Protein backbone atom coordinates (compact mmCIF):
# COMPACT_ATOMS: atom_id res chain seq x y z
CA MET A 1 13.48 51.02 -114.28
CA ASP A 2 12.18 54.34 -114.37
CA TYR A 3 8.65 55.66 -115.04
CA LYS A 4 8.28 55.42 -118.56
CA GLU A 5 9.91 51.75 -118.26
CA MET A 6 7.26 50.77 -115.64
CA TYR A 7 4.31 52.20 -117.74
CA ASP A 8 5.43 50.09 -120.74
CA LEU A 9 5.78 47.04 -118.06
CA TRP A 10 2.47 47.96 -116.64
CA ARG A 11 0.54 48.34 -120.57
CA THR A 12 2.23 44.80 -121.72
CA ALA A 13 2.72 42.30 -119.07
CA ASP A 14 0.21 39.48 -118.97
CA CYS A 15 -0.12 39.85 -115.18
CA PHE A 16 -1.61 42.82 -115.82
CA ASP A 17 -5.73 43.04 -116.92
CA ALA A 18 -7.62 44.17 -120.14
CA ASP A 19 -9.40 47.14 -118.33
CA THR A 20 -5.85 48.44 -116.79
CA LYS A 21 -4.19 48.45 -119.90
CA LYS A 22 -6.97 50.11 -121.76
CA GLU A 23 -6.81 52.84 -118.83
CA LEU A 24 -3.27 53.01 -119.56
CA GLU A 25 -3.58 53.14 -123.47
CA ALA A 26 -5.53 56.50 -123.26
CA ILE A 27 -2.85 58.23 -121.63
CA LYS A 28 -0.23 57.45 -123.60
CA ASP A 29 0.39 60.86 -124.89
CA ASP A 30 0.49 62.47 -121.65
CA ASP A 31 3.95 62.31 -120.18
CA ASN A 32 2.59 64.55 -116.94
CA GLU A 33 -0.16 62.25 -116.54
CA ILE A 34 2.27 59.04 -116.84
CA GLN A 35 4.91 60.31 -114.68
CA GLU A 36 2.54 61.39 -111.91
CA ARG A 37 0.96 57.70 -111.87
CA PHE A 38 4.47 55.79 -112.42
CA TYR A 39 7.56 57.86 -110.81
CA LYS A 40 6.99 55.67 -107.28
CA GLN A 41 5.29 53.40 -105.27
CA LEU A 42 2.10 53.90 -103.79
CA GLU A 43 3.78 54.04 -100.40
CA PHE A 44 2.48 52.04 -97.23
CA GLY A 45 3.27 54.25 -94.43
CA THR A 46 2.55 53.87 -91.14
CA ALA A 47 -1.15 53.04 -91.33
CA GLY A 48 -1.27 51.64 -94.82
CA LEU A 49 -2.56 52.75 -98.45
CA ARG A 50 -4.15 56.15 -99.37
CA GLY A 51 -4.01 57.20 -102.90
CA ILE A 52 -6.20 57.74 -105.75
CA ILE A 53 -8.15 55.39 -107.24
CA GLY A 54 -6.38 54.45 -110.73
CA ALA A 55 -3.55 52.15 -113.14
CA GLY A 56 -0.21 52.94 -112.09
CA THR A 57 2.35 52.17 -108.84
CA ASN A 58 0.72 55.30 -107.91
CA ARG A 59 -2.40 54.69 -107.61
CA MET A 60 -5.04 52.94 -105.37
CA ASN A 61 -5.93 49.52 -107.87
CA TYR A 62 -6.38 46.08 -107.54
CA TYR A 63 -2.80 45.17 -107.80
CA THR A 64 -1.04 47.81 -105.24
CA VAL A 65 -3.60 46.61 -102.98
CA ARG A 66 -2.67 42.83 -103.62
CA LYS A 67 1.12 43.87 -103.32
CA ALA A 68 0.23 45.55 -99.62
CA THR A 69 -1.76 42.61 -98.70
CA THR A 70 0.65 40.09 -99.75
CA GLY A 71 3.40 41.84 -98.18
CA LEU A 72 1.24 41.71 -94.82
CA ALA A 73 0.68 37.65 -95.32
CA ASN A 74 4.25 37.54 -95.59
CA TYR A 75 4.63 39.37 -92.02
CA ILE A 76 2.14 37.31 -90.07
CA ASN A 77 3.01 34.08 -91.82
CA SER A 78 6.80 34.94 -90.79
CA MET A 79 5.55 35.06 -87.34
CA ASN A 80 4.27 31.34 -87.32
CA VAL A 81 0.92 32.30 -85.69
CA SER A 82 -1.31 28.87 -85.66
CA LYS A 83 -4.17 29.91 -87.84
CA PRO A 84 -4.30 33.30 -88.30
CA SER A 85 -6.98 35.20 -89.43
CA VAL A 86 -7.97 39.05 -90.73
CA VAL A 87 -11.13 40.80 -90.37
CA ILE A 88 -11.74 43.06 -93.72
CA ALA A 89 -14.34 46.08 -93.74
CA PHE A 90 -15.16 48.25 -96.33
CA ASP A 91 -16.85 51.61 -96.82
CA SER A 92 -18.98 53.42 -99.28
CA ARG A 93 -16.16 54.78 -101.76
CA ARG A 94 -16.18 53.69 -105.30
CA MET A 95 -14.25 50.33 -105.30
CA SER A 96 -14.26 49.44 -101.69
CA PRO A 97 -16.03 45.86 -102.17
CA GLU A 98 -14.26 45.11 -104.88
CA PHE A 99 -11.16 45.99 -103.03
CA ALA A 100 -11.79 44.35 -99.97
CA ASP A 101 -13.15 40.90 -101.73
CA GLU A 102 -9.48 41.14 -103.88
CA THR A 103 -7.52 41.93 -100.02
CA ALA A 104 -9.57 38.57 -98.43
CA LEU A 105 -8.78 36.62 -101.57
CA CYS A 106 -5.16 37.57 -101.73
CA LEU A 107 -5.12 36.56 -98.12
CA ALA A 108 -6.72 33.10 -98.80
CA ALA A 109 -4.11 32.61 -101.08
CA ASN A 110 -1.68 32.95 -98.42
CA ASN A 111 -3.53 30.13 -96.20
CA ILE A 112 -4.87 33.22 -93.96
CA LYS A 113 -8.48 33.21 -93.19
CA ALA A 114 -10.49 36.27 -93.52
CA TYR A 115 -13.59 37.46 -92.02
CA VAL A 116 -15.51 40.36 -94.94
CA PHE A 117 -18.73 41.83 -93.44
CA GLU A 118 -21.30 41.64 -95.71
CA SER A 119 -21.44 45.23 -96.35
CA LEU A 120 -20.14 48.44 -95.55
CA ARG A 121 -18.91 49.13 -91.60
CA PRO A 122 -17.32 52.10 -89.70
CA THR A 123 -13.73 51.96 -88.60
CA PRO A 124 -14.47 51.64 -84.76
CA GLU A 125 -16.24 48.45 -85.48
CA LEU A 126 -13.58 47.04 -87.48
CA SER A 127 -11.43 47.92 -84.66
CA PHE A 128 -13.77 46.24 -82.38
CA ALA A 129 -14.13 42.87 -84.75
CA VAL A 130 -10.44 42.20 -84.25
CA ARG A 131 -10.50 42.01 -80.60
CA GLU A 132 -14.01 40.47 -80.92
CA LEU A 133 -12.69 37.77 -83.15
CA GLY A 134 -9.68 37.16 -82.15
CA CYS A 135 -7.57 38.22 -85.25
CA ILE A 136 -4.28 38.66 -86.07
CA ALA A 137 -4.84 41.83 -87.68
CA GLY A 138 -7.60 44.25 -89.75
CA ILE A 139 -8.25 45.78 -92.63
CA ASN A 140 -10.17 48.71 -93.58
CA ILE A 141 -10.84 49.52 -97.15
CA THR A 142 -11.17 53.50 -96.81
CA ALA A 143 -10.02 56.83 -97.79
CA SER A 144 -11.67 58.68 -94.46
CA HIS A 145 -12.49 61.98 -95.25
CA ASN A 146 -10.68 62.11 -98.62
CA PRO A 147 -12.09 63.48 -101.24
CA PRO A 148 -14.16 61.14 -103.78
CA GLU A 149 -11.40 60.16 -106.19
CA TYR A 150 -9.30 58.73 -103.50
CA ASN A 151 -9.60 55.07 -101.47
CA GLY A 152 -7.09 53.33 -99.42
CA TYR A 153 -6.11 50.38 -96.81
CA LYS A 154 -5.89 50.65 -93.12
CA VAL A 155 -4.05 48.23 -91.17
CA TYR A 156 -4.56 47.37 -87.44
CA TRP A 157 -3.26 44.46 -85.10
CA GLU A 158 -4.34 42.29 -82.97
CA ASP A 159 -5.00 44.99 -80.05
CA GLY A 160 -7.54 46.32 -82.57
CA ALA A 161 -5.20 49.82 -82.99
CA GLN A 162 -3.31 50.88 -86.21
CA ILE A 163 -0.34 49.15 -86.66
CA THR A 164 2.73 50.37 -84.56
CA PRO A 165 6.47 49.54 -84.30
CA PRO A 166 7.68 46.98 -84.39
CA HIS A 167 4.96 45.70 -86.52
CA ASP A 168 3.86 49.19 -88.72
CA LYS A 169 7.99 49.13 -90.04
CA GLY A 170 8.27 44.98 -90.39
CA ILE A 171 5.02 44.93 -92.58
CA MET A 172 6.20 47.97 -94.82
CA ASP A 173 9.64 46.02 -95.47
CA CYS A 174 7.33 43.07 -96.49
CA VAL A 175 5.88 45.35 -98.59
CA SER A 176 8.67 46.97 -100.04
CA ALA A 177 10.57 43.66 -101.04
CA ILE A 178 7.98 42.84 -103.35
CA THR A 179 8.99 44.12 -106.76
CA ASP A 180 7.53 41.70 -109.40
CA TYR A 181 3.65 41.82 -109.69
CA SER A 182 3.81 38.66 -111.53
CA THR A 183 4.06 36.58 -108.35
CA LEU A 184 1.04 38.12 -106.68
CA LYS A 185 -1.90 35.36 -106.13
CA VAL A 186 -5.18 35.43 -105.10
CA MET A 187 -7.89 32.24 -104.94
CA ASP A 188 -10.74 31.72 -106.38
CA LYS A 189 -13.79 33.06 -104.40
CA ASP A 190 -15.83 29.92 -104.19
CA GLU A 191 -12.22 27.49 -103.58
CA ALA A 192 -11.53 29.71 -100.58
CA ILE A 193 -15.00 29.62 -99.37
CA LYS A 194 -15.23 26.20 -99.51
CA ALA A 195 -11.82 25.96 -97.81
CA GLY A 196 -13.33 28.09 -95.19
CA LEU A 197 -10.73 31.03 -95.77
CA TYR A 198 -13.97 33.29 -96.94
CA ASN A 199 -16.19 34.08 -94.17
CA VAL A 200 -18.54 36.91 -94.45
CA ILE A 201 -19.84 38.30 -90.99
CA GLY A 202 -22.01 40.81 -90.11
CA LYS A 203 -25.47 40.77 -87.37
CA GLU A 204 -23.49 39.14 -85.00
CA ILE A 205 -20.66 41.77 -84.56
CA ASP A 206 -23.22 44.91 -84.86
CA ASP A 207 -25.17 43.31 -81.83
CA ALA A 208 -21.98 43.14 -79.86
CA TYR A 209 -20.53 46.10 -81.02
CA ILE A 210 -23.85 48.42 -80.06
CA ASN A 211 -24.13 46.06 -76.66
CA GLU A 212 -20.57 47.58 -75.56
CA LEU A 213 -22.05 51.17 -76.23
CA LYS A 214 -24.91 50.94 -74.69
CA LYS A 215 -22.60 49.88 -71.32
CA LEU A 216 -20.90 53.29 -71.82
CA VAL A 217 -24.26 55.01 -70.66
CA ILE A 218 -24.13 56.92 -67.40
CA HIS A 219 -26.81 58.84 -67.29
CA GLN A 220 -30.16 56.93 -68.94
CA ASP A 221 -31.99 58.91 -66.24
CA SER A 222 -31.31 61.84 -68.14
CA ILE A 223 -32.18 60.68 -71.57
CA ASP A 224 -35.66 59.07 -70.14
CA ALA A 225 -35.96 62.44 -68.89
CA VAL A 226 -35.85 64.56 -72.25
CA LYS A 227 -36.04 62.09 -75.02
CA ASP A 228 -39.15 63.63 -76.32
CA THR A 229 -38.16 67.01 -76.50
CA LEU A 230 -34.64 66.94 -77.24
CA LYS A 231 -33.87 67.31 -81.10
CA ILE A 232 -30.91 65.93 -83.03
CA VAL A 233 -30.11 66.67 -86.92
CA TYR A 234 -27.62 63.99 -88.31
CA THR A 235 -25.83 63.45 -91.31
CA PRO A 236 -24.10 60.37 -92.43
CA LEU A 237 -22.42 62.30 -95.59
CA HIS A 238 -23.08 59.57 -97.92
CA GLY A 239 -21.27 57.28 -95.52
CA THR A 240 -21.11 54.18 -93.05
CA GLY A 241 -22.67 56.20 -89.89
CA ASN A 242 -25.92 56.18 -91.03
CA ILE A 243 -27.07 52.57 -89.63
CA PRO A 244 -25.56 52.48 -86.24
CA VAL A 245 -25.64 55.85 -85.11
CA ARG A 246 -29.43 55.68 -85.56
CA ARG A 247 -29.78 52.37 -84.28
CA ILE A 248 -27.51 53.25 -81.09
CA LEU A 249 -29.40 56.66 -80.52
CA GLY A 250 -32.77 54.78 -81.58
CA GLU A 251 -32.21 51.88 -78.79
CA LEU A 252 -31.42 54.98 -76.33
CA GLY A 253 -34.72 56.24 -76.46
CA PHE A 254 -34.04 59.31 -78.49
CA LYS A 255 -37.35 60.15 -80.55
CA ASN A 256 -35.94 63.21 -82.14
CA VAL A 257 -33.79 62.24 -84.61
CA TYR A 258 -33.83 64.06 -87.83
CA VAL A 259 -31.36 62.38 -90.44
CA VAL A 260 -30.47 64.84 -93.76
CA PRO A 261 -32.18 62.94 -96.58
CA GLU A 262 -29.97 64.02 -99.58
CA GLN A 263 -27.14 62.59 -97.40
CA GLU A 264 -28.69 59.62 -95.85
CA LEU A 265 -27.94 56.64 -98.74
CA PRO A 266 -24.07 55.72 -99.15
CA ASP A 267 -22.82 57.15 -101.98
CA GLY A 268 -18.89 57.10 -102.99
CA GLU A 269 -19.68 59.94 -105.14
CA PHE A 270 -20.44 62.29 -102.81
CA PRO A 271 -22.86 64.18 -104.72
CA THR A 272 -23.84 66.87 -101.94
CA VAL A 273 -20.46 67.58 -100.89
CA SER A 274 -17.04 68.52 -102.81
CA TYR A 275 -14.88 66.99 -99.62
CA PRO A 276 -17.01 64.34 -97.15
CA ASN A 277 -14.95 66.18 -93.86
CA PRO A 278 -17.06 67.25 -91.16
CA GLU A 279 -14.01 69.64 -90.57
CA ALA A 280 -15.48 71.32 -93.25
CA ALA A 281 -18.37 74.14 -92.96
CA GLU A 282 -19.73 73.04 -96.46
CA ALA A 283 -20.65 69.60 -94.97
CA PHE A 284 -23.04 71.35 -93.24
CA GLU A 285 -24.65 73.03 -95.41
CA LEU A 286 -27.92 70.59 -95.65
CA ALA A 287 -27.94 69.74 -91.97
CA LEU A 288 -28.09 72.99 -90.56
CA ALA A 289 -30.89 74.18 -93.04
CA LEU A 290 -32.66 71.20 -91.50
CA ALA A 291 -31.70 72.30 -87.72
CA LYS A 292 -33.09 75.90 -88.44
CA LYS A 293 -36.51 74.10 -90.01
CA VAL A 294 -36.60 71.48 -86.68
CA ASP A 295 -35.25 73.90 -84.23
CA ALA A 296 -32.72 71.25 -83.03
CA ASP A 297 -30.56 71.71 -80.24
CA LEU A 298 -27.75 70.19 -81.96
CA VAL A 299 -26.27 69.00 -85.15
CA LEU A 300 -23.94 65.98 -86.08
CA ALA A 301 -22.10 65.00 -88.80
CA THR A 302 -19.95 62.02 -89.34
CA ASP A 303 -17.04 61.24 -92.29
CA PRO A 304 -17.62 58.57 -94.53
CA ASP A 305 -16.21 55.89 -92.42
CA ALA A 306 -17.45 57.12 -89.15
CA ASP A 307 -14.38 57.68 -87.34
CA ARG A 308 -14.53 61.66 -86.77
CA LEU A 309 -17.48 63.77 -85.88
CA GLY A 310 -18.37 67.28 -86.45
CA VAL A 311 -20.83 69.38 -84.03
CA TYR A 312 -22.83 72.39 -84.27
CA VAL A 313 -24.48 73.14 -81.28
CA LYS A 314 -27.41 75.68 -80.49
CA ASP A 315 -26.92 79.28 -78.39
CA SER A 316 -30.22 79.65 -76.93
CA ALA A 317 -29.34 83.67 -76.06
CA THR A 318 -28.77 84.12 -80.13
CA GLY A 319 -30.56 81.06 -81.38
CA GLU A 320 -27.62 80.59 -83.95
CA TYR A 321 -25.52 77.32 -84.39
CA ILE A 322 -21.93 77.83 -83.45
CA ALA A 323 -19.53 75.11 -84.79
CA LEU A 324 -17.43 73.09 -82.74
CA THR A 325 -13.48 72.20 -83.26
CA GLY A 326 -12.51 68.68 -82.73
CA ASN A 327 -10.55 70.38 -80.03
CA MET A 328 -13.50 71.94 -78.27
CA SER A 329 -15.79 68.22 -78.91
CA GLY A 330 -12.68 66.79 -77.59
CA CYS A 331 -12.76 68.45 -74.53
CA LEU A 332 -16.42 69.32 -74.03
CA ILE A 333 -17.35 64.91 -74.00
CA GLY A 334 -14.04 64.29 -72.27
CA ASP A 335 -14.98 66.80 -69.58
CA TYR A 336 -18.59 64.99 -69.31
CA GLU A 337 -17.47 61.61 -69.06
CA ILE A 338 -14.61 62.34 -66.56
CA SER A 339 -16.96 64.62 -64.40
CA GLN A 340 -19.73 62.17 -64.51
CA ILE A 341 -17.38 59.24 -63.86
CA LYS A 342 -16.19 60.95 -60.68
CA GLU A 343 -19.72 62.16 -60.08
CA THR A 344 -21.03 58.61 -60.15
CA LYS A 345 -18.36 56.01 -58.69
CA GLY A 346 -15.14 57.93 -58.28
CA LEU A 347 -12.51 58.38 -60.29
CA PRO A 348 -9.52 55.78 -60.18
CA GLU A 349 -6.14 57.17 -58.99
CA ASP A 350 -4.32 56.44 -61.63
CA GLY A 351 -6.75 57.56 -64.74
CA ALA A 352 -5.67 59.02 -67.59
CA LEU A 353 -6.88 61.22 -70.06
CA ILE A 354 -4.80 60.83 -73.43
CA LYS A 355 -4.09 63.27 -76.28
CA THR A 356 -2.45 64.09 -79.28
CA ILE A 357 1.10 66.59 -78.70
CA VAL A 358 -0.96 69.31 -81.25
CA SER A 359 -4.18 68.91 -79.52
CA SER A 360 -5.34 71.88 -77.26
CA ASP A 361 -3.78 72.24 -74.19
CA MET A 362 -7.46 72.80 -72.53
CA ALA A 363 -7.01 69.05 -72.21
CA ASN A 364 -3.94 69.60 -69.69
CA ALA A 365 -6.17 71.84 -67.26
CA ILE A 366 -9.05 69.28 -67.28
CA ALA A 367 -6.73 66.77 -66.39
CA LYS A 368 -5.25 68.98 -63.54
CA TYR A 369 -8.87 70.24 -62.41
CA TYR A 370 -9.70 66.60 -61.51
CA GLY A 371 -6.56 65.27 -60.48
CA ILE A 372 -5.79 62.92 -63.18
CA LYS A 373 -2.42 62.18 -65.18
CA LEU A 374 -2.18 63.79 -68.70
CA ILE A 375 -0.14 62.10 -71.63
CA GLU A 376 0.79 63.29 -74.85
CA VAL A 377 1.21 60.70 -77.80
CA LEU A 378 2.37 61.67 -81.20
CA THR A 379 -0.29 62.71 -83.72
CA GLY A 380 -2.23 59.75 -84.54
CA PHE A 381 -4.89 57.79 -82.76
CA LYS A 382 -2.81 54.50 -82.78
CA TYR A 383 -0.90 55.61 -80.42
CA ILE A 384 -3.27 56.16 -77.68
CA GLY A 385 -4.62 52.40 -78.56
CA GLN A 386 -0.93 51.63 -77.98
CA GLN A 387 -0.81 53.49 -74.45
CA ILE A 388 -4.42 51.61 -73.56
CA LEU A 389 -2.89 48.42 -74.28
CA GLU A 390 0.35 49.13 -72.30
CA PHE A 391 -2.25 50.30 -69.21
CA GLU A 392 -3.69 46.48 -69.62
CA THR A 393 -0.08 45.00 -69.69
CA ASN A 394 1.35 46.53 -67.20
CA ASN A 395 -1.32 47.29 -64.96
CA SER A 396 -0.02 50.81 -65.18
CA GLY A 397 -3.07 53.14 -65.48
CA THR A 398 -6.85 53.77 -66.50
CA TYR A 399 -8.14 54.78 -69.34
CA LEU A 400 -10.72 57.61 -69.18
CA PHE A 401 -10.52 59.35 -72.47
CA GLY A 402 -8.75 60.22 -75.52
CA PHE A 403 -9.20 62.90 -78.32
CA GLU A 404 -7.26 64.41 -81.08
CA GLU A 405 -7.90 67.44 -82.72
CA SER A 406 -8.73 65.93 -85.94
CA TYR A 407 -12.36 65.57 -84.64
CA GLY A 408 -11.76 61.98 -83.15
CA CYS A 409 -12.10 60.69 -79.60
CA LEU A 410 -12.96 57.56 -78.00
CA VAL A 411 -15.19 56.63 -75.27
CA GLY A 412 -14.49 53.32 -73.49
CA THR A 413 -11.85 50.53 -74.64
CA HIS A 414 -13.83 48.61 -76.86
CA ALA A 415 -12.54 49.53 -80.23
CA ARG A 416 -8.47 51.12 -80.14
CA ASP A 417 -9.43 53.70 -82.77
CA LYS A 418 -11.53 56.96 -82.97
CA ASP A 419 -15.18 56.30 -82.74
CA ALA A 420 -17.82 58.78 -83.93
CA VAL A 421 -20.91 56.53 -83.15
CA VAL A 422 -19.96 56.00 -79.53
CA ALA A 423 -18.61 59.78 -80.12
CA THR A 424 -22.05 60.98 -81.32
CA MET A 425 -23.83 58.96 -78.44
CA LYS A 426 -21.68 60.53 -75.71
CA LEU A 427 -22.37 63.97 -77.05
CA CYS A 428 -26.10 63.37 -76.71
CA GLU A 429 -26.35 61.50 -73.60
CA ALA A 430 -24.26 64.56 -72.59
CA ALA A 431 -26.53 67.08 -74.29
CA ALA A 432 -29.36 64.87 -72.46
CA TYR A 433 -28.00 65.53 -69.07
CA TYR A 434 -27.77 69.36 -69.40
CA LYS A 435 -30.93 70.03 -70.56
CA THR A 436 -32.05 68.86 -67.50
CA LYS A 437 -29.95 71.31 -65.58
CA ASN A 438 -31.50 73.97 -67.88
CA MET A 439 -28.71 74.01 -69.83
CA THR A 440 -27.28 73.49 -73.35
CA LEU A 441 -23.88 72.30 -74.87
CA TRP A 442 -23.27 75.65 -75.49
CA ASP A 443 -23.87 76.69 -72.06
CA ALA A 444 -21.30 74.15 -71.19
CA MET A 445 -18.70 74.96 -73.02
CA ILE A 446 -18.81 78.46 -71.87
CA THR A 447 -18.79 76.93 -68.18
CA MET A 448 -15.48 75.35 -69.73
CA TYR A 449 -13.85 78.14 -70.80
CA ASP A 450 -14.79 80.01 -67.63
CA ARG A 451 -13.12 77.42 -65.16
CA TYR A 452 -10.36 76.30 -67.65
CA GLY A 453 -9.15 79.52 -69.66
CA TYR A 454 -10.17 80.45 -73.03
CA TYR A 455 -8.26 78.32 -74.86
CA LYS A 456 -8.05 78.90 -78.54
CA ASP A 457 -6.77 76.55 -81.05
CA GLY A 458 -6.36 76.04 -84.93
CA VAL A 459 -4.70 74.37 -88.08
CA LYS A 460 -3.90 75.75 -91.65
CA ALA A 461 -3.07 72.94 -94.24
CA ILE A 462 -1.30 73.50 -97.81
CA THR A 463 -1.99 71.08 -100.21
CA LEU A 464 1.06 70.34 -102.40
CA ALA A 465 0.01 67.67 -104.13
CA GLY A 466 2.59 65.70 -107.22
CA LYS A 467 6.33 65.19 -106.85
CA GLU A 468 7.21 69.29 -107.10
CA GLY A 469 4.42 69.23 -104.21
CA LEU A 470 6.79 66.70 -101.89
CA GLU A 471 9.66 68.53 -102.51
CA LYS A 472 8.16 71.82 -101.63
CA ILE A 473 6.93 70.29 -98.46
CA GLN A 474 10.56 68.95 -97.62
CA VAL A 475 12.43 72.53 -98.53
CA ILE A 476 9.82 73.58 -95.16
CA MET A 477 10.44 71.04 -92.87
CA ASP A 478 14.20 71.50 -93.49
CA THR A 479 14.31 75.13 -93.50
CA LEU A 480 12.06 75.39 -89.88
CA ARG A 481 14.34 72.46 -88.93
CA LYS A 482 18.33 74.45 -89.75
CA ASN A 483 16.96 77.98 -89.19
CA PRO A 484 14.40 77.73 -86.89
CA PRO A 485 12.86 81.32 -86.50
CA SER A 486 13.69 83.02 -82.90
CA LYS A 487 9.89 85.18 -82.72
CA ILE A 488 6.62 84.68 -84.29
CA GLY A 489 4.56 87.90 -84.28
CA GLU A 490 4.87 89.51 -80.59
CA TYR A 491 5.72 86.01 -79.10
CA GLU A 492 9.21 84.91 -79.00
CA VAL A 493 10.36 81.06 -78.86
CA SER A 494 11.51 79.18 -75.85
CA VAL A 495 11.76 75.75 -76.51
CA ILE A 496 12.06 73.81 -79.31
CA ARG A 497 11.06 69.87 -79.96
CA ASP A 498 12.62 68.08 -82.86
CA TYR A 499 10.88 64.90 -82.74
CA LYS A 500 12.82 63.68 -86.06
CA GLU A 501 16.15 64.49 -83.78
CA ASP A 502 14.70 63.42 -80.79
CA THR A 503 15.77 66.51 -78.70
CA VAL A 504 13.66 69.19 -76.53
CA VAL A 505 16.23 72.42 -76.67
CA ASP A 506 15.68 75.60 -74.12
CA LEU A 507 16.82 78.74 -75.59
CA LYS A 508 17.19 80.39 -72.60
CA THR A 509 19.10 77.81 -70.75
CA GLY A 510 20.63 75.93 -73.24
CA GLU A 511 19.47 72.93 -71.57
CA LYS A 512 18.72 69.99 -74.26
CA LYS A 513 16.83 66.46 -73.22
CA PRO A 514 14.96 63.77 -75.26
CA THR A 515 11.39 63.97 -76.57
CA GLY A 516 10.36 60.62 -74.97
CA LEU A 517 8.18 59.98 -77.82
CA PRO A 518 9.09 57.89 -80.93
CA LEU A 519 10.74 59.23 -83.74
CA SER A 520 8.58 61.81 -86.18
CA ASN A 521 8.91 64.52 -88.50
CA VAL A 522 7.37 66.79 -86.59
CA LEU A 523 8.89 70.41 -84.93
CA TYR A 524 6.80 72.13 -81.91
CA TYR A 525 7.63 75.38 -80.82
CA GLU A 526 6.96 76.81 -77.61
CA LEU A 527 6.42 80.81 -77.18
CA GLY A 528 5.37 82.94 -74.63
CA GLU A 529 1.71 83.15 -72.61
CA GLY A 530 0.81 79.49 -73.46
CA THR A 531 1.03 80.14 -76.83
CA TRP A 532 2.69 77.15 -79.32
CA PHE A 533 3.01 76.45 -83.04
CA CYS A 534 3.87 72.81 -84.61
CA VAL A 535 4.37 71.79 -88.32
CA ARG A 536 4.44 68.28 -89.61
CA PRO A 537 3.66 66.47 -92.68
CA SER A 538 0.09 64.92 -93.25
CA GLY A 539 0.50 61.23 -93.22
CA THR A 540 -2.56 60.58 -95.31
CA GLU A 541 -2.60 63.12 -97.56
CA PRO A 542 -0.68 65.51 -99.96
CA LYS A 543 -0.47 68.25 -97.24
CA ILE A 544 1.79 70.08 -94.78
CA LYS A 545 -0.46 70.97 -91.54
CA PHE A 546 0.50 73.99 -89.06
CA TYR A 547 -1.03 73.65 -85.90
CA PHE A 548 -1.49 76.15 -82.83
CA GLY A 549 -2.68 77.22 -79.78
CA VAL A 550 -3.42 80.57 -77.69
CA VAL A 551 -4.94 81.61 -74.58
CA GLY A 552 -7.26 84.92 -73.70
CA SER A 553 -8.53 86.62 -71.50
CA SER A 554 -11.97 86.30 -73.31
CA LEU A 555 -13.39 84.44 -75.86
CA GLU A 556 -12.99 87.48 -77.88
CA ASP A 557 -9.34 88.36 -77.20
CA ALA A 558 -8.73 84.48 -77.71
CA ASP A 559 -10.09 84.80 -81.17
CA LYS A 560 -7.82 88.33 -81.86
CA LYS A 561 -4.70 86.52 -80.53
CA ALA A 562 -5.51 83.19 -82.73
CA GLU A 563 -6.14 85.30 -85.75
CA GLU A 564 -3.06 87.79 -85.41
CA PHE A 565 -0.95 84.29 -84.66
CA SER A 566 -1.84 82.61 -87.79
CA SER A 567 -1.31 85.48 -89.64
CA ASN A 568 2.03 85.65 -88.50
CA MET A 569 2.78 82.19 -88.82
CA LEU A 570 1.63 81.86 -92.44
CA ALA A 571 3.40 84.72 -93.33
CA LEU A 572 6.61 82.80 -92.15
CA ILE A 573 6.05 80.00 -94.30
CA ASP A 574 5.31 82.19 -97.35
CA GLU A 575 8.89 83.61 -96.79
CA ILE A 576 10.12 80.34 -96.90
CA VAL A 577 8.49 79.08 -100.20
CA LYS A 578 9.24 81.78 -102.14
């Protein structure tokens, strides 16, 4: 069935509601729009769904949510789990509460018990709740940091991490097997409640989650010493972080937490930003203005589902606020956590720091300094969660810290996804600790550069939306795979890792070995002087991403090298897409 036939089916079939048909009728003369909405099914990827809200097979709507949920339910029921249950959370985006209810009632129709949060909650609390309630799976209705027109559907397994092999493929196959939307069913809400298949949760999980975070505090003494003088500016960017972040900071004793008033309340339109992403400078404009007004020590922002944390810290020498990348904040929190575990109780012999392959090599230097194991995993925090599960299952290691460059990290094992609430707590604790040493967080960062090396990492993303965009992304990957560069700027390529082909090739010796990681459409190039370059299509957005890292002899030298390498890297890509 081609896109026009599918469009006509949705516009006429009895299983689709009147509002859907009305929306589709309005575009009957716009062939490009019809094609965009119906040229493919919204892909259920390795983490679930993410797409623009609207009617159509390539959009987020009741029917694509129902299809995904039915596929998940079929997979769960095929495992013969006794009395299976699933916990569902949602964020502040448009249609999030509605999609959460649709998900719960679809599960109920498939005889699976649903726990639904009473109101919006952050992703890490969903991850925690899966484990706390003993559920077989979890679902969060969120599009994370995407623009307002998007929503999504993240799926978690019983360990609290996003789905990994073999469950991801098993669920994807079950979703793909559904071709007839008229077969999808939901239960009446009152009937589901009466049958015990729809259950509302809230405060009891909130309290348990916050209590687990409090157990992770190492230096309450430092917080107590500076709680009246340390100043923190925070913005939840209209998302889910407002209540849990303020609660944990308040209960630990921090007195001066200033929340950006214009961005405090949930709002799926994200009216003060075009892109609610703490990686973007725009997201901090209001927070920085407030920080300068109150003379804050640090400025924090969480994304709408509160799994990512953006940070600015004050340089006391200049009075300026300096942005920390996800690599910088991850290394700063990780170094603080590991150093203080060592200082207060000693590091375990099997302790490990986990990072993704595109994250800063400063982590390697930190691990070496403390004599702990460094483990690299594919991009996606679920692989860090998978390592934690392996440690627990096989008694093969002790998790100390994990992070990825995309502004996400996890202290503790209460959750199995990145947690901006605990990251906020830990960064504020670190700020308090260093303040008792007459140091700022920026001073601590400089100390790390002096100790480990002047690492500078970056990422460039090119958005290529729609069918043509996907084809261009494929051309870039195919060209780099078949005709890899031998040199980028002044640096010669020495090793090529192809995670799709599972090969690591040393260009000087010709030696070839496996990557040791799952197959993934990722290319990684090792160059001289600690320089590297990696390219991968985004799994959640219509983008292709180019990551790189350099090491300089000073901050200025590292900045210069990074700027030059980034320019040469993008010139290489421009040649390909011409």
